[in-house]
């Protein structure tokens, strides 16, 4: 069954009546034969006193689980089937492990949907996975977590390095004397194999849950000398895309960074691509 069909069963439970379309579903036909439902008009069916017990035991547990997921991630305009919904629930449960291990699109597709080709980039299902994982894209190659993207500067002797959460800056023209790194969003485990650079190291990111969480993890566990790039005024604040939930360690930020954070929480965020800073000037 798909989500729209499951909603017919729930509507019948809640309102006592629903569309006759329910009889087009194999389970709907079966409970009609079991006398759990009866025809009330040409277009509708109604429940009998047998129906509520059937619904509570058979449909309600999974309906409640899927409904909660759909509401949490604003997926109301989708019509995934039960196997897809169940996979999305599992993805949410395994979110931390998926992100920490840097699973690729193919790996996620194989593990949760039983086929490497099931999860297609242009599909509503792909977008649902992005929402649940709170990422902008999935890794295309399962080996992306093995290497670091580097855009060398024009002068070949950089005075600083900027590690970028997103790949926007990497795809632009080279900077004069700043080297740009991109590890692939949250796939930062590879950084543990790099010696602490002898020149200043900065982190450029979205100022939201994910960006700040990654920065704090890198500074605590990998590069203690790294500093986050604090946007210069004027700062472009956007309406929040994901409620602030991360516990912020203000000791990891300078005074200007703390001032910016207090302007953001609880309703705003800053997109990396909008950040203005002298180190990024071309």
C-alpha atoms as a PDB file:
ATOM      1  CA  UNK A   1       0.000   0.000   0.000  1.00  0.00           C
ATOM      2  CA  UNK A   2       1.015   3.581  -0.500  1.00  0.00           C
ATOM      3  CA  UNK A   3       0.545   6.568   1.812  1.00  0.00           C
ATOM      4  CA  UNK A   4      -2.706   7.748   0.200  1.00  0.00           C
ATOM      5  CA  UNK A   5      -4.212   4.279   0.613  1.00  0.00           C
ATOM      6  CA  UNK A   6      -3.142   4.105   4.237  1.00  0.00           C
ATOM      7  CA  UNK A   7      -4.883   7.441   4.797  1.00  0.00           C
ATOM      8  CA  UNK A   8      -8.166   5.925   3.564  1.00  0.00           C
ATOM      9  CA  UNK A   9      -7.988   3.307   6.324  1.00  0.00           C
ATOM     10  CA  UNK A  10      -7.256   6.025   8.884  1.00  0.00           C
ATOM     11  CA  UNK A  11     -10.087   8.225   7.620  1.00  0.00           C
ATOM     12  CA  UNK A  12     -12.479   5.289   7.949  1.00  0.00           C
ATOM     13  CA  UNK A  13     -11.344   4.791  11.552  1.00  0.00           C
ATOM     14  CA  UNK A  14     -11.559   8.466  12.492  1.00  0.00           C
ATOM     15  CA  UNK A  15     -14.699   9.487  10.582  1.00  0.00           C
ATOM     16  CA  UNK A  16     -16.534   6.188  10.152  1.00  0.00           C
ATOM     17  CA  UNK A  17     -16.669   6.605   6.389  1.00  0.00           C
ATOM     18  CA  UNK A  18     -14.304   6.915   3.425  1.00  0.00           C
ATOM     19  CA  UNK A  19     -14.133   6.622  -0.360  1.00  0.00           C
ATOM     20  CA  UNK A  20     -15.155   3.406  -2.098  1.00  0.00           C
ATOM     21  CA  UNK A  21     -11.621   3.484  -3.549  1.00  0.00           C
ATOM     22  CA  UNK A  22     -10.692   1.446  -0.482  1.00  0.00           C
ATOM     23  CA  UNK A  23     -12.283  -1.590  -2.149  1.00  0.00           C
ATOM     24  CA  UNK A  24      -9.736  -1.340  -4.977  1.00  0.00           C
ATOM     25  CA  UNK A  25      -6.990  -2.216  -2.469  1.00  0.00           C
ATOM     26  CA  UNK A  26      -6.477  -5.970  -1.846  1.00  0.00           C
ATOM     27  CA  UNK A  27      -6.624  -5.474   1.937  1.00  0.00           C
ATOM     28  CA  UNK A  28      -9.768  -3.376   1.524  1.00  0.00           C
ATOM     29  CA  UNK A  29     -11.437  -6.201  -0.389  1.00  0.00           C
ATOM     30  CA  UNK A  30     -10.405  -8.672   2.282  1.00  0.00           C
ATOM     31  CA  UNK A  31     -11.839  -6.703   5.199  1.00  0.00           C
ATOM     32  CA  UNK A  32     -15.017  -6.184   3.168  1.00  0.00           C
ATOM     33  CA  UNK A  33     -15.355  -9.973   2.999  1.00  0.00           C
ATOM     34  CA  UNK A  34     -14.620 -10.061   6.743  1.00  0.00           C
ATOM     35  CA  UNK A  35     -17.595  -7.687   7.232  1.00  0.00           C
ATOM     36  CA  UNK A  36     -15.414  -4.965   8.747  1.00  0.00           C
ATOM     37  CA  UNK A  37     -16.807  -2.466   6.224  1.00  0.00           C
ATOM     38  CA  UNK A  38     -19.988  -2.070   4.217  1.00  0.00           C
ATOM     39  CA  UNK A  39     -21.201   0.080   1.349  1.00  0.00           C
ATOM     40  CA  UNK A  40     -22.979   3.243   2.491  1.00  0.00           C
ATOM     41  CA  UNK A  41     -23.489   4.832  -0.957  1.00  0.00           C
ATOM     42  CA  UNK A  42     -22.259   4.594  -4.527  1.00  0.00           C
ATOM     43  CA  UNK A  43     -19.149   6.589  -3.629  1.00  0.00           C
ATOM     44  CA  UNK A  44     -18.493   5.723  -0.001  1.00  0.00           C
ATOM     45  CA  UNK A  45     -18.116   2.847   2.422  1.00  0.00           C
ATOM     46  CA  UNK A  46     -18.587   2.838   6.187  1.00  0.00           C
ATOM     47  CA  UNK A  47     -17.104   0.810   9.020  1.00  0.00           C
ATOM     48  CA  UNK A  48     -18.881  -1.837  11.039  1.00  0.00           C
ATOM     49  CA  UNK A  49     -18.290  -2.600  14.717  1.00  0.00           C
ATOM     50  CA  UNK A  50     -15.564  -5.079  13.649  1.00  0.00           C
ATOM     51  CA  UNK A  51     -13.395  -2.439  11.964  1.00  0.00           C
ATOM     52  CA  UNK A  52     -11.838  -0.542  14.894  1.00  0.00           C
ATOM     53  CA  UNK A  53     -10.221  -3.652  16.368  1.00  0.00           C
ATOM     54  CA  UNK A  54      -8.785  -4.566  12.967  1.00  0.00           C
ATOM     55  CA  UNK A  55      -7.447  -1.018  12.405  1.00  0.00           C
ATOM     56  CA  UNK A  56      -5.872  -0.649  15.854  1.00  0.00           C
ATOM     57  CA  UNK A  57      -4.077  -4.006  15.570  1.00  0.00           C
ATOM     58  CA  UNK A  58      -3.092  -3.904  11.892  1.00  0.00           C
ATOM     59  CA  UNK A  59      -2.897  -0.356  10.503  1.00  0.00           C
ATOM     60  CA  UNK A  60      -2.601   2.178  13.316  1.00  0.00           C
ATOM     61  CA  UNK A  61       0.961   1.409  14.562  1.00  0.00           C
ATOM     62  CA  UNK A  62       2.594   1.879  11.171  1.00  0.00           C
ATOM     63  CA  UNK A  63       0.248   4.702  10.147  1.00  0.00           C
ATOM     64  CA  UNK A  64       1.203   6.695  13.258  1.00  0.00           C
ATOM     65  CA  UNK A  65       4.890   6.057  12.643  1.00  0.00           C
ATOM     66  CA  UNK A  66       4.736   7.162   8.996  1.00  0.00           C
ATOM     67  CA  UNK A  67       2.481  10.142   9.740  1.00  0.00           C
ATOM     68  CA  UNK A  68       4.944  11.437  12.324  1.00  0.00           C
ATOM     69  CA  UNK A  69       7.840  11.121   9.856  1.00  0.00           C
ATOM     70  CA  UNK A  70       5.910  12.829   7.050  1.00  0.00           C
ATOM     71  CA  UNK A  71       4.936  15.755   9.269  1.00  0.00           C
ATOM     72  CA  UNK A  72       8.458  16.154  10.681  1.00  0.00           C
ATOM     73  CA  UNK A  73      10.002  16.531   7.237  1.00  0.00           C
ATOM     74  CA  UNK A  74       7.127  18.183   5.374  1.00  0.00           C
ATOM     75  CA  UNK A  75       6.570  15.251   2.997  1.00  0.00           C
ATOM     76  CA  UNK A  76       2.788  15.660   2.713  1.00  0.00           C
ATOM     77  CA  UNK A  77       2.889  16.024  -1.079  1.00  0.00           C
ATOM     78  CA  UNK A  78       4.476  12.617  -1.607  1.00  0.00           C
ATOM     79  CA  UNK A  79       2.904   9.198  -1.993  1.00  0.00           C
ATOM     80  CA  UNK A  80       5.581   6.701  -1.034  1.00  0.00           C
ATOM     81  CA  UNK A  81       4.674   3.049  -0.622  1.00  0.00           C
ATOM     82  CA  UNK A  82       5.085   1.172   2.639  1.00  0.00           C
ATOM     83  CA  UNK A  83       8.517  -0.234   1.831  1.00  0.00           C
ATOM     84  CA  UNK A  84       9.806   3.262   1.013  1.00  0.00           C
ATOM     85  CA  UNK A  85       8.267   4.754   4.138  1.00  0.00           C
ATOM     86  CA  UNK A  86       9.755   1.990   6.257  1.00  0.00           C
ATOM     87  CA  UNK A  87      13.157   2.627   4.680  1.00  0.00           C
ATOM     88  CA  UNK A  88      12.892   6.355   5.438  1.00  0.00           C
ATOM     89  CA  UNK A  89      12.091   5.561   9.068  1.00  0.00           C
ATOM     90  CA  UNK A  90      15.214   3.374   9.244  1.00  0.00           C
ATOM     91  CA  UNK A  91      17.311   6.090   7.612  1.00  0.00           C
ATOM     92  CA  UNK A  92      16.197   8.532  10.297  1.00  0.00           C
ATOM     93  CA  UNK A  93      17.046   5.998  13.020  1.00  0.00           C
ATOM     94  CA  UNK A  94      20.506   5.393  11.489  1.00  0.00           C
ATOM     95  CA  UNK A  95      21.140   9.044  10.584  1.00  0.00           C
ATOM     96  CA  UNK A  96      24.231   9.519  12.747  1.00  0.00           C
ATOM     97  CA  UNK A  97      25.872   6.325  11.528  1.00  0.00           C
ATOM     98  CA  UNK A  98      25.113   7.177   7.885  1.00  0.00           C
ATOM     99  CA  UNK A  99      26.647  10.626   8.206  1.00  0.00           C
ATOM    100  CA  UNK A 100      29.617   9.588  10.332  1.00  0.00           C
ATOM    101  CA  UNK A 101      30.567   6.797   7.935  1.00  0.00           C
ATOM    102  CA  UNK A 102      30.064   8.968   4.838  1.00  0.00           C
ATOM    103  CA  UNK A 103      27.767   6.525   3.050  1.00  0.00           C
ATOM    104  CA  UNK A 104      27.315   7.253  -0.648  1.00  0.00           C
ATOM    105  CA  UNK A 105      24.085   7.466  -2.626  1.00  0.00           C
ATOM    106  CA  UNK A 106      24.594   3.929  -3.952  1.00  0.00           C
ATOM    107  CA  UNK A 107      25.358   2.536  -0.512  1.00  0.00           C
ATOM    108  CA  UNK A 108      22.247   4.118   1.001  1.00  0.00           C
ATOM    109  CA  UNK A 109      20.166   2.920  -1.928  1.00  0.00           C
ATOM    110  CA  UNK A 110      21.500  -0.634  -1.647  1.00  0.00           C
ATOM    111  CA  UNK A 111      21.233  -0.882   2.128  1.00  0.00           C
ATOM    112  CA  UNK A 112      17.792   0.677   2.594  1.00  0.00           C
ATOM    113  CA  UNK A 113      16.074   0.077  -0.768  1.00  0.00           C
ATOM    114  CA  UNK A 114      17.770  -3.188  -1.848  1.00  0.00           C
ATOM    115  CA  UNK A 115      19.105  -1.782  -5.122  1.00  0.00           C
ATOM    116  CA  UNK A 116      21.984   0.569  -5.918  1.00  0.00           C
ATOM    117  CA  UNK A 117      19.889   2.142  -8.691  1.00  0.00           C
ATOM    118  CA  UNK A 118      16.646   2.594  -6.727  1.00  0.00           C
ATOM    119  CA  UNK A 119      17.478   6.017  -5.277  1.00  0.00           C
ATOM    120  CA  UNK A 120      17.558   8.423  -8.231  1.00  0.00           C
ATOM    121  CA  UNK A 121      18.824  11.976  -7.802  1.00  0.00           C
ATOM    122  CA  UNK A 122      15.794  13.683  -9.409  1.00  0.00           C
ATOM    123  CA  UNK A 123      13.179  11.740  -7.440  1.00  0.00           C
ATOM    124  CA  UNK A 124      10.967  12.835  -4.563  1.00  0.00           C
ATOM    125  CA  UNK A 125      12.391   9.921  -2.590  1.00  0.00           C
ATOM    126  CA  UNK A 126      15.951  11.262  -3.025  1.00  0.00           C
ATOM    127  CA  UNK A 127      14.794  14.685  -1.793  1.00  0.00           C
ATOM    128  CA  UNK A 128      13.118  13.046   1.203  1.00  0.00           C
ATOM    129  CA  UNK A 129      16.399  11.340   2.125  1.00  0.00           C
ATOM    130  CA  UNK A 130      18.188  14.703   1.887  1.00  0.00           C
ATOM    131  CA  UNK A 131      15.646  16.275   4.250  1.00  0.00           C
ATOM    132  CA  UNK A 132      15.969  13.485   6.786  1.00  0.00           C
ATOM    133  CA  UNK A 133      19.785  13.553   6.728  1.00  0.00           C
ATOM    134  CA  UNK A 134      19.810  17.376   6.590  1.00  0.00           C
ATOM    135  CA  UNK A 135      22.302  17.457   3.708  1.00  0.00           C
ATOM    136  CA  UNK A 136      22.258  19.233   0.345  1.00  0.00           C
ATOM    137  CA  UNK A 137      23.352  16.169  -1.644  1.00  0.00           C
ATOM    138  CA  UNK A 138      24.488  12.575  -1.234  1.00  0.00           C
ATOM    139  CA  UNK A 139      27.977  11.406  -2.095  1.00  0.00           C
ATOM    140  CA  UNK A 140      28.021  10.045  -5.623  1.00  0.00           C
ATOM    141  CA  UNK A 141      31.025   7.770  -5.171  1.00  0.00           C
ATOM    142  CA  UNK A 142      31.515   5.605  -2.119  1.00  0.00           C
ATOM    143  CA  UNK A 143      35.233   6.489  -2.195  1.00  0.00           C
ATOM    144  CA  UNK A 144      34.689  10.265  -1.909  1.00  0.00           C
ATOM    145  CA  UNK A 145      35.455  10.044   1.800  1.00  0.00           C
ATOM    146  CA  UNK A 146      38.988   8.855   0.963  1.00  0.00           C
ATOM    147  CA  UNK A 147      40.362  12.034  -0.574  1.00  0.00           C
ATOM    148  CA  UNK A 148      40.432  15.791  -0.136  1.00  0.00           C
ATOM    149  CA  UNK A 149      39.599  18.304  -2.858  1.00  0.00           C
ATOM    150  CA  UNK A 150      42.160  21.128  -3.040  1.00  0.00           C
ATOM    151  CA  UNK A 151      42.090  24.301  -5.120  1.00  0.00           C
ATOM    152  CA  UNK A 152      45.638  25.649  -5.031  1.00  0.00           C
ATOM    153  CA  UNK A 153      46.147  29.413  -4.987  1.00  0.00           C
ATOM    154  CA  UNK A 154      47.657  31.437  -7.819  1.00  0.00           C
ATOM    155  CA  UNK A 155      50.917  32.308  -6.051  1.00  0.00           C
ATOM    156  CA  UNK A 156      51.609  28.652  -5.064  1.00  0.00           C
ATOM    157  CA  UNK A 157      52.680  29.703  -1.540  1.00  0.00           C
ATOM    158  CA  UNK A 158      49.465  30.163   0.418  1.00  0.00           C
ATOM    159  CA  UNK A 159      49.337  32.340   3.495  1.00  0.00           C
ATOM    160  CA  UNK A 160      46.252  30.506   4.813  1.00  0.00           C
ATOM    161  CA  UNK A 161      43.959  27.548   4.128  1.00  0.00           C
ATOM    162  CA  UNK A 162      40.156  27.611   4.139  1.00  0.00           C
ATOM    163  CA  UNK A 163      38.330  24.326   4.649  1.00  0.00           C
ATOM    164  CA  UNK A 164      34.893  24.704   3.008  1.00  0.00           C
ATOM    165  CA  UNK A 165      31.801  22.799   4.120  1.00  0.00           C
ATOM    166  CA  UNK A 166      30.277  23.113   0.629  1.00  0.00           C
ATOM    167  CA  UNK A 167      31.967  23.001  -2.767  1.00  0.00           C
ATOM    168  CA  UNK A 168      30.828  26.409  -4.035  1.00  0.00           C
ATOM    169  CA  UNK A 169      34.176  28.149  -3.481  1.00  0.00           C
ATOM    170  CA  UNK A 170      36.129  25.204  -4.918  1.00  0.00           C
ATOM    171  CA  UNK A 171      34.320  25.652  -8.237  1.00  0.00           C
ATOM    172  CA  UNK A 172      35.180  29.338  -8.512  1.00  0.00           C
ATOM    173  CA  UNK A 173      38.343  31.069  -9.759  1.00  0.00           C
ATOM    174  CA  UNK A 174      41.506  30.500  -7.704  1.00  0.00           C
ATOM    175  CA  UNK A 175      42.294  32.921  -4.929  1.00  0.00           C
ATOM    176  CA  UNK A 176      45.619  34.756  -5.001  1.00  0.00           C
ATOM    177  CA  UNK A 177      47.192  33.435  -1.809  1.00  0.00           C
ATOM    178  CA  UNK A 178      44.519  31.332  -0.062  1.00  0.00           C
ATOM    179  CA  UNK A 179      44.309  27.577  -0.594  1.00  0.00           C
ATOM    180  CA  UNK A 180      40.813  26.066  -0.536  1.00  0.00           C
ATOM    181  CA  UNK A 181      40.000  22.593   0.793  1.00  0.00           C
ATOM    182  CA  UNK A 182      36.750  20.617   0.596  1.00  0.00           C
ATOM    183  CA  UNK A 183      36.319  17.349   2.477  1.00  0.00           C
ATOM    184  CA  UNK A 184      32.727  16.673   1.433  1.00  0.00           C
ATOM    185  CA  UNK A 185      30.512  18.268   4.054  1.00  0.00           C
ATOM    186  CA  UNK A 186      30.394  16.064   7.125  1.00  0.00           C
ATOM    187  CA  UNK A 187      32.954  13.576   5.791  1.00  0.00           C
ATOM    188  CA  UNK A 188      35.750  14.957   7.935  1.00  0.00           C
ATOM    189  CA  UNK A 189      37.256  11.707   9.284  1.00  0.00           C
ATOM    190  CA  UNK A 190      39.880  11.847   6.509  1.00  0.00           C
ATOM    191  CA  UNK A 191      41.271  15.052   8.064  1.00  0.00           C
ATOM    192  CA  UNK A 192      42.725  13.002  10.913  1.00  0.00           C
ATOM    193  CA  UNK A 193      45.389  11.775   8.480  1.00  0.00           C
ATOM    194  CA  UNK A 194      46.609  15.325   7.734  1.00  0.00           C
ATOM    195  CA  UNK A 195      49.237  17.088   9.827  1.00  0.00           C
ATOM    196  CA  UNK A 196      48.167  20.352  11.425  1.00  0.00           C
ATOM    197  CA  UNK A 197      48.999  22.989   8.782  1.00  0.00           C
ATOM    198  CA  UNK A 198      51.778  25.408   9.716  1.00  0.00           C
ATOM    199  CA  UNK A 199      49.798  28.323   8.255  1.00  0.00           C
ATOM    200  CA  UNK A 200      46.440  29.644   9.570  1.00  0.00           C
ATOM    201  CA  UNK A 201      43.513  27.308   8.961  1.00  0.00           C
ATOM    202  CA  UNK A 202      39.909  28.507   8.729  1.00  0.00           C
ATOM    203  CA  UNK A 203      36.507  26.847   8.367  1.00  0.00           C
ATOM    204  CA  UNK A 204      33.858  28.251   6.002  1.00  0.00           C
ATOM    205  CA  UNK A 205      30.352  26.926   6.483  1.00  0.00           C
ATOM    206  CA  UNK A 206      26.633  27.509   6.702  1.00  0.00           C
ATOM    207  CA  UNK A 207      25.842  28.962  10.103  1.00  0.00           C
ATOM    208  CA  UNK A 208      23.199  26.390  10.961  1.00  0.00           C
ATOM    209  CA  UNK A 209      22.990  23.158  12.967  1.00  0.00           C
ATOM    210  CA  UNK A 210      25.097  21.119  10.572  1.00  0.00           C
ATOM    211  CA  UNK A 211      27.768  23.722   9.821  1.00  0.00           C
ATOM    212  CA  UNK A 212      28.335  24.673  13.444  1.00  0.00           C
ATOM    213  CA  UNK A 213      28.281  21.035  14.545  1.00  0.00           C
ATOM    214  CA  UNK A 214      30.989  20.110  12.003  1.00  0.00           C
ATOM    215  CA  UNK A 215      33.136  23.108  12.987  1.00  0.00           C
ATOM    216  CA  UNK A 216      32.943  22.238  16.686  1.00  0.00           C
ATOM    217  CA  UNK A 217      33.843  18.602  15.975  1.00  0.00           C
ATOM    218  CA  UNK A 218      36.865  19.547  13.849  1.00  0.00           C
ATOM    219  CA  UNK A 219      38.147  22.078  16.394  1.00  0.00           C
ATOM    220  CA  UNK A 220      37.710  19.715  19.338  1.00  0.00           C
ATOM    221  CA  UNK A 221      38.970  16.509  17.745  1.00  0.00           C
ATOM    222  CA  UNK A 222      41.131  17.209  14.691  1.00  0.00           C
ATOM    223  CA  UNK A 223      42.523  20.741  14.257  1.00  0.00           C
ATOM    224  CA  UNK A 224      42.402  22.659  17.573  1.00  0.00           C
ATOM    225  CA  UNK A 225      43.865  25.752  15.889  1.00  0.00           C
ATOM    226  CA  UNK A 226      41.188  26.035  13.202  1.00  0.00           C
ATOM    227  CA  UNK A 227      39.003  29.163  13.354  1.00  0.00           C
ATOM    228  CA  UNK A 228      35.578  29.659  11.852  1.00  0.00           C
ATOM    229  CA  UNK A 229      35.214  32.440   9.285  1.00  0.00           C
ATOM    230  CA  UNK A 230      32.906  35.015  10.840  1.00  0.00           C
ATOM    231  CA  UNK A 231      30.851  36.848   8.188  1.00  0.00           C
ATOM    232  CA  UNK A 232      31.595  40.525   7.696  1.00  0.00           C
ATOM    233  CA  UNK A 233      28.759  43.010   7.859  1.00  0.00           C
ATOM    234  CA  UNK A 234      26.332  43.335   6.249  1.00  0.00           C
ATOM    235  CA  UNK A 235      25.271  39.788   7.112  1.00  0.00           C
ATOM    236  CA  UNK A 236      22.478  38.192   5.077  1.00  0.00           C
ATOM    237  CA  UNK A 237      20.199  36.420   7.535  1.00  0.00           C
ATOM    238  CA  UNK A 238      17.716  33.849   6.226  1.00  0.00           C
ATOM    239  CA  UNK A 239      14.629  32.380   7.832  1.00  0.00           C
ATOM    240  CA  UNK A 240      15.546  29.175   9.576  1.00  0.00           C
ATOM    241  CA  UNK A 241      15.595  25.947   7.557  1.00  0.00           C
ATOM    242  CA  UNK A 242      16.014  23.633  10.542  1.00  0.00           C
ATOM    243  CA  UNK A 243      15.283  24.514  14.149  1.00  0.00           C
ATOM    244  CA  UNK A 244      18.422  25.200  16.178  1.00  0.00           C
ATOM    245  CA  UNK A 245      19.040  22.086  18.282  1.00  0.00           C
ATOM    246  CA  UNK A 246      22.817  21.818  18.545  1.00  0.00           C
ATOM    247  CA  UNK A 247      24.476  22.619  21.858  1.00  0.00           C
ATOM    248  CA  UNK A 248      26.838  25.479  21.060  1.00  0.00           C
ATOM    249  CA  UNK A 249      30.204  25.653  22.824  1.00  0.00           C
ATOM    250  CA  UNK A 250      30.738  29.399  22.885  1.00  0.00           C
ATOM    251  CA  UNK A 251      34.336  28.920  24.012  1.00  0.00           C
ATOM    252  CA  UNK A 252      35.145  27.859  20.430  1.00  0.00           C
ATOM    253  CA  UNK A 253      34.095  31.250  18.994  1.00  0.00           C
ATOM    254  CA  UNK A 254      35.555  34.743  19.232  1.00  0.00           C
ATOM    255  CA  UNK A 255      33.480  37.704  20.419  1.00  0.00           C
ATOM    256  CA  UNK A 256      32.273  38.579  16.925  1.00  0.00           C
ATOM    257  CA  UNK A 257      31.254  34.979  16.275  1.00  0.00           C
ATOM    258  CA  UNK A 258      29.264  34.880  19.523  1.00  0.00           C
ATOM    259  CA  UNK A 259      27.552  38.142  18.585  1.00  0.00           C
ATOM    260  CA  UNK A 260      26.537  36.682  15.212  1.00  0.00           C
ATOM    261  CA  UNK A 261      25.242  33.469  16.813  1.00  0.00           C
ATOM    262  CA  UNK A 262      23.057  35.455  19.194  1.00  0.00           C
ATOM    263  CA  UNK A 263      21.543  37.245  16.195  1.00  0.00           C
ATOM    264  CA  UNK A 264      20.734  33.912  14.559  1.00  0.00           C
ATOM    265  CA  UNK A 265      19.257  31.810  17.342  1.00  0.00           C
ATOM    266  CA  UNK A 266      16.450  30.766  17.415  1.00  0.00           C
ATOM    267  CA  UNK A 267      14.979  31.833  14.051  1.00  0.00           C
ATOM    268  CA  UNK A 268      17.729  32.630  11.516  1.00  0.00           C
ATOM    269  CA  UNK A 269      20.720  31.107   9.706  1.00  0.00           C
ATOM    270  CA  UNK A 270      23.452  32.217   7.288  1.00  0.00           C
ATOM    271  CA  UNK A 271      24.121  30.470   3.986  1.00  0.00           C
ATOM    272  CA  UNK A 272      27.804  29.841   3.259  1.00  0.00           C
ATOM    273  CA  UNK A 273      27.506  31.234  -0.267  1.00  0.00           C
ATOM    274  CA  UNK A 274      26.342  34.609   1.085  1.00  0.00           C
ATOM    275  CA  UNK A 275      29.291  35.065   3.474  1.00  0.00           C
ATOM    276  CA  UNK A 276      31.460  38.086   2.805  1.00  0.00           C
ATOM    277  CA  UNK A 277      35.016  38.031   4.158  1.00  0.00           C
ATOM    278  CA  UNK A 278      38.318  39.593   3.102  1.00  0.00           C
ATOM    279  CA  UNK A 279      39.973  36.179   2.760  1.00  0.00           C
ATOM    280  CA  UNK A 280      37.484  35.275   0.018  1.00  0.00           C
ATOM    281  CA  UNK A 281      37.995  38.359  -2.113  1.00  0.00           C
ATOM    282  CA  UNK A 282      39.132  37.576  -5.655  1.00  0.00           C
END
